[in-house]
Amino acid sequence: MKRLTAAAAQAHELGLQVNAGHCLNCANVPPLLAVVPHLVELNIGHSIISRSLTIGLAKAVKEMLTAMK
């Protein structure tokens, strides 16, 4: 996480928008949001759709929203 935190801080200092994606899920989003600064967007669509195959779309979206709080 140190490298992600440093990269996000440097990108922000350079005026870049910081986004995160790939392999994000309900388990790793909370710690990511807790330590990585300046995140503007999370690309979580794949995680939600994959999870929705087992629990349904509404529940998958609700899980992710809870994880992001």
Protein backbone atom coordinates (compact mmCIF):
# COMPACT_ATOMS: atom_id res chain seq x y z
CA MET A 1 0.00 0.00 0.00
CA LYS A 2 2.93 2.37 0.56
CA ARG A 3 3.64 2.48 -3.16
CA LEU A 4 0.00 3.18 -4.01
CA THR A 5 -0.18 5.93 -1.42
CA ALA A 6 3.01 7.56 -2.69
CA ALA A 7 1.93 7.25 -6.33
CA ALA A 8 -1.47 8.81 -5.61
CA ALA A 9 0.11 11.70 -3.72
CA GLN A 10 2.64 12.34 -6.49
CA ALA A 11 0.00 12.14 -9.23
CA HIS A 12 -2.17 14.62 -7.34
CA GLU A 13 0.78 16.99 -6.92
CA LEU A 14 1.33 16.83 -10.69
CA GLY A 15 -2.30 17.77 -11.28
CA LEU A 16 -3.46 14.32 -12.37
CA GLN A 17 -6.77 12.75 -11.43
CA VAL A 18 -6.27 9.60 -9.35
CA ASN A 19 -8.47 6.60 -10.14
CA ALA A 20 -8.28 3.00 -8.95
CA GLY A 21 -9.41 -0.16 -10.65
CA HIS A 22 -8.76 -3.80 -11.46
CA CYS A 23 -9.25 -6.45 -8.81
CA LEU A 24 -11.23 -4.16 -6.52
CA ASN A 25 -13.85 -5.88 -4.38
CA CYS A 26 -15.75 -5.42 -1.13
CA ALA A 27 -12.83 -6.82 0.87
CA ASN A 28 -10.04 -4.59 -0.44
CA VAL A 29 -11.89 -1.33 -1.12
CA PRO A 30 -12.16 -0.23 2.56
CA PRO A 31 -8.42 -0.51 3.31
CA LEU A 32 -7.62 1.15 -0.02
CA LEU A 33 -9.85 4.12 0.75
CA ALA A 34 -8.41 4.34 4.26
CA VAL A 35 -4.82 4.88 3.12
CA VAL A 36 -4.68 6.02 -0.51
CA PRO A 37 -5.31 9.76 -0.80
CA HIS A 38 -6.95 11.78 -3.56
CA LEU A 39 -8.99 8.96 -5.14
CA VAL A 40 -11.57 10.44 -7.49
CA GLU A 41 -12.99 7.28 -9.06
CA LEU A 42 -13.14 3.56 -8.36
CA ASN A 43 -13.64 1.21 -11.30
CA ILE A 44 -15.75 -1.43 -9.57
CA GLY A 45 -18.11 -2.56 -12.31
CA HIS A 46 -16.47 -5.93 -12.90
CA SER A 47 -16.59 -6.75 -9.21
CA ILE A 48 -20.25 -5.81 -8.91
CA ILE A 49 -21.31 -7.75 -12.00
CA SER A 50 -19.30 -10.83 -10.99
CA ARG A 51 -20.76 -10.77 -7.49
CA SER A 52 -24.27 -10.21 -8.86
CA LEU A 53 -24.17 -13.60 -10.56
CA THR A 54 -24.44 -15.24 -7.14
CA ILE A 55 -26.41 -12.74 -5.04
CA GLY A 56 -28.21 -10.51 -7.53
CA LEU A 57 -27.41 -7.05 -8.81
CA ALA A 58 -29.21 -5.03 -6.14
CA LYS A 59 -27.45 -6.86 -3.30
CA ALA A 60 -24.07 -6.63 -5.04
CA VAL A 61 -24.42 -2.86 -5.47
CA LYS A 62 -25.54 -2.47 -1.86
CA GLU A 63 -22.52 -4.48 -0.64
CA MET A 64 -20.12 -2.27 -2.58
CA LEU A 65 -21.75 0.94 -1.40
CA THR A 66 -21.42 -0.28 2.18
CA ALA A 67 -17.75 -1.16 1.60
CA MET A 68 -17.09 2.31 0.18
CA LYS A 69 -18.51 4.15 3.24
